[in-house]
Amino acid sequence: MTETPESLQQMLDGITESCKTYGMKINAKKTKTMHIRKEKKKVSKLIEGSPLGQKTKYQYLRHILTEDVSMEKEIDIRTEKARAKFWKHKELLRRNINIDTKKSIL
């Protein structure tokens, strides 16, 4: 993670040089970047002259990060998961049972 596109390119160049020292090479076809900002902007980065792909969303630790810093997709996914969980256990949840008992069963 970097603050500016220029510092990202410097970091990529440094990593590329370090890899060369140990006889390794970064696969530019598998390496992607993601530019996170409210305003959309195409940022092209290179590894040894090969352009890197740019992602618009990324899932990390069950959370979805999007390039426009929007939480809408994340909220939709969580709402749908909660709805599915409720629907799966609807008979239990609708019964007149103590809430602590319901929690322990789920």
Protein backbone atom coordinates (compact mmCIF):
# COMPACT_ATOMS: atom_id res chain seq x y z
CA MET A 1 0.00 0.00 0.00
CA THR A 2 1.26 3.42 -0.90
CA GLU A 3 -0.05 6.96 -0.86
CA THR A 4 0.75 7.86 -4.48
CA PRO A 5 1.00 6.04 -7.82
CA GLU A 6 4.62 7.17 -8.10
CA SER A 7 5.58 5.57 -4.79
CA LEU A 8 3.83 2.36 -5.89
CA GLN A 9 5.95 2.27 -9.05
CA GLN A 10 9.09 2.83 -6.95
CA MET A 11 8.06 -0.02 -4.66
CA LEU A 12 7.40 -2.32 -7.63
CA ASP A 13 10.79 -1.43 -9.11
CA GLY A 14 12.48 -2.21 -5.77
CA ILE A 15 10.70 -5.55 -5.44
CA THR A 16 11.62 -6.43 -9.03
CA GLU A 17 15.30 -5.68 -8.35
CA SER A 18 15.24 -7.71 -5.12
CA CYS A 19 13.72 -10.64 -6.99
CA LYS A 20 16.45 -10.46 -9.65
CA THR A 21 19.07 -10.74 -6.90
CA TYR A 22 17.67 -14.15 -5.97
CA GLY A 23 16.98 -15.30 -9.52
CA MET A 24 13.22 -14.81 -9.30
CA LYS A 25 10.85 -12.99 -11.62
CA ILE A 26 7.44 -11.43 -10.93
CA ASN A 27 4.67 -12.71 -13.20
CA ALA A 28 3.09 -9.51 -14.56
CA LYS A 29 0.11 -11.46 -15.93
CA LYS A 30 -0.88 -12.59 -12.41
CA THR A 31 -0.01 -9.35 -10.60
CA LYS A 32 -2.83 -6.80 -10.22
CA THR A 33 -3.15 -3.36 -8.69
CA MET A 34 -6.13 -1.52 -7.24
CA HIS A 35 -6.42 2.24 -7.02
CA ILE A 36 -8.70 3.21 -4.11
CA ARG A 37 -10.14 6.71 -4.45
CA LYS A 38 -13.56 8.33 -4.59
CA GLU A 39 -12.82 9.73 -8.06
CA LYS A 40 -12.12 7.13 -10.74
CA LYS A 41 -8.69 7.30 -12.30
CA LYS A 42 -6.84 4.81 -14.49
CA VAL A 43 -3.38 4.17 -13.11
CA SER A 44 -1.02 2.05 -15.18
CA LYS A 45 1.97 0.40 -13.50
CA LEU A 46 4.74 -1.60 -15.11
CA ILE A 47 6.98 -4.48 -14.11
CA GLU A 48 9.95 -4.71 -16.46
CA GLY A 49 7.96 -2.96 -19.17
CA SER A 50 4.89 -5.20 -18.84
CA PRO A 51 1.68 -3.44 -17.76
CA LEU A 52 -0.16 -4.70 -14.69
CA GLY A 53 -3.89 -5.34 -14.65
CA GLN A 54 -6.11 -3.20 -12.49
CA LYS A 55 -8.83 -4.63 -10.20
CA THR A 56 -12.05 -2.80 -9.32
CA LYS A 57 -12.82 -4.90 -6.22
CA TYR A 58 -10.91 -7.19 -3.91
CA GLN A 59 -12.05 -9.58 -1.19
CA TYR A 60 -9.90 -9.54 1.94
CA LEU A 61 -10.80 -11.36 5.17
CA ARG A 62 -14.44 -11.75 4.01
CA HIS A 63 -14.76 -8.03 3.28
CA ILE A 64 -15.06 -6.55 -0.18
CA LEU A 65 -12.92 -3.53 -0.92
CA THR A 66 -13.92 -1.47 -3.96
CA GLU A 67 -11.96 1.16 -5.82
CA ASP A 68 -14.59 3.84 -5.14
CA VAL A 69 -14.56 3.21 -1.34
CA SER A 70 -18.24 2.25 -1.53
CA MET A 71 -19.71 -0.01 1.15
CA GLU A 72 -22.91 -0.72 -0.81
CA LYS A 73 -21.78 -4.11 -2.14
CA GLU A 74 -20.51 -5.14 1.30
CA ILE A 75 -23.83 -4.15 2.93
CA ASP A 76 -25.81 -6.03 0.26
CA ILE A 77 -23.76 -9.19 0.81
CA ARG A 78 -24.11 -9.04 4.61
CA THR A 79 -27.86 -8.39 4.35
CA GLU A 80 -28.29 -11.35 2.01
CA LYS A 81 -26.26 -13.62 4.32
CA ALA A 82 -28.41 -12.58 7.30
CA ARG A 83 -31.59 -13.16 5.29
CA ALA A 84 -30.40 -16.61 4.22
CA LYS A 85 -29.47 -17.51 7.80
CA PHE A 86 -32.87 -16.38 9.07
CA TRP A 87 -34.71 -18.26 6.32
CA LYS A 88 -32.75 -21.43 7.12
CA HIS A 89 -33.84 -21.24 10.78
CA LYS A 90 -37.19 -19.50 10.34
CA GLU A 91 -39.22 -22.14 12.19
CA LEU A 92 -37.00 -21.89 15.26
CA LEU A 93 -36.80 -18.10 15.20
CA ARG A 94 -40.55 -17.61 14.85
CA ARG A 95 -41.41 -19.79 17.85
CA ASN A 96 -42.13 -18.28 21.21
CA ILE A 97 -38.86 -19.46 22.81
CA ASN A 98 -36.55 -17.55 25.13
CA ILE A 99 -33.98 -15.52 23.13
CA ASP A 100 -31.07 -17.06 25.09
CA THR A 101 -32.25 -20.53 24.08
CA LYS A 102 -32.42 -19.45 20.43
CA LYS A 103 -28.88 -18.04 20.63
CA SER A 104 -27.49 -21.24 22.14
CA ILE A 105 -29.12 -23.37 19.42
CA LEU A 106 -27.79 -21.20 16.60
